[in-house]
Amino acid sequence: MTRGLRTFLTMSVLSAILIGGTYTGVQLLFAKAPELPDADATAACRNRVLEPGEQIAPNQVLVNVLNAGGLSGMANRTALNLQGIGFLPGTVGNAPEGTSIANVRVVAPEPKRVDARLVGAQFKGKVQYTKGTPEDEATVEVYIGKKFKGLKKTPVKALKAKNRVTICVPTLAVDPDA
């Protein structure tokens, strides 16, 4: 193969690559943008109806833990322990100034609902249940008090619903391309 022929073939291949790359780049530049996901697909949770006798597990409950006891790090340790049981982690922080709680307070839209009872069943001592709206997208909010007795050694892994109830089960955002 002569030097001139080799140069010609090299330049031809490089030109083909340049033209192919330019064509592909122009096609991508003017392609229709992908559609955004539906609002329902990005929702923080999905409604699930539990019939009497159906069980709820910790991995279906998103829990915020707030420290009302003053002992630094107690909310974080409790949140980590709840996460170890299987609860989904929410916000961890301090309770609003002036919040007074003895052991534990569980706040939920319906305090006697199965998700609130499942969270409360994890704690030693008297648990106070209060009607309220947890912050963020949490299902249940837990306040740790000054006389916090800790979590039970044997966690409650599931509870049965006493009556028909609709709960908002947190969804995890999963990237299908990952």
Foldseek 3Di string as FASTA:
>chain_A
DDPVVVVVVVVVVVVVVVVVVVVVVVCVVPDDDDDDDDPVLPDQFDKDKAAFFDKDFQLQFEEEEAEPQPPPPPRVVQQVVSVVLPHHYDHYYHDPPPDADAAKEKEAQDQVWFNNVLVVLFAPDDYHYDYDHDPDPGRMYMYGHNNHPGTDPDHDGMDGGRHIDMGTGGDDDDDPVD
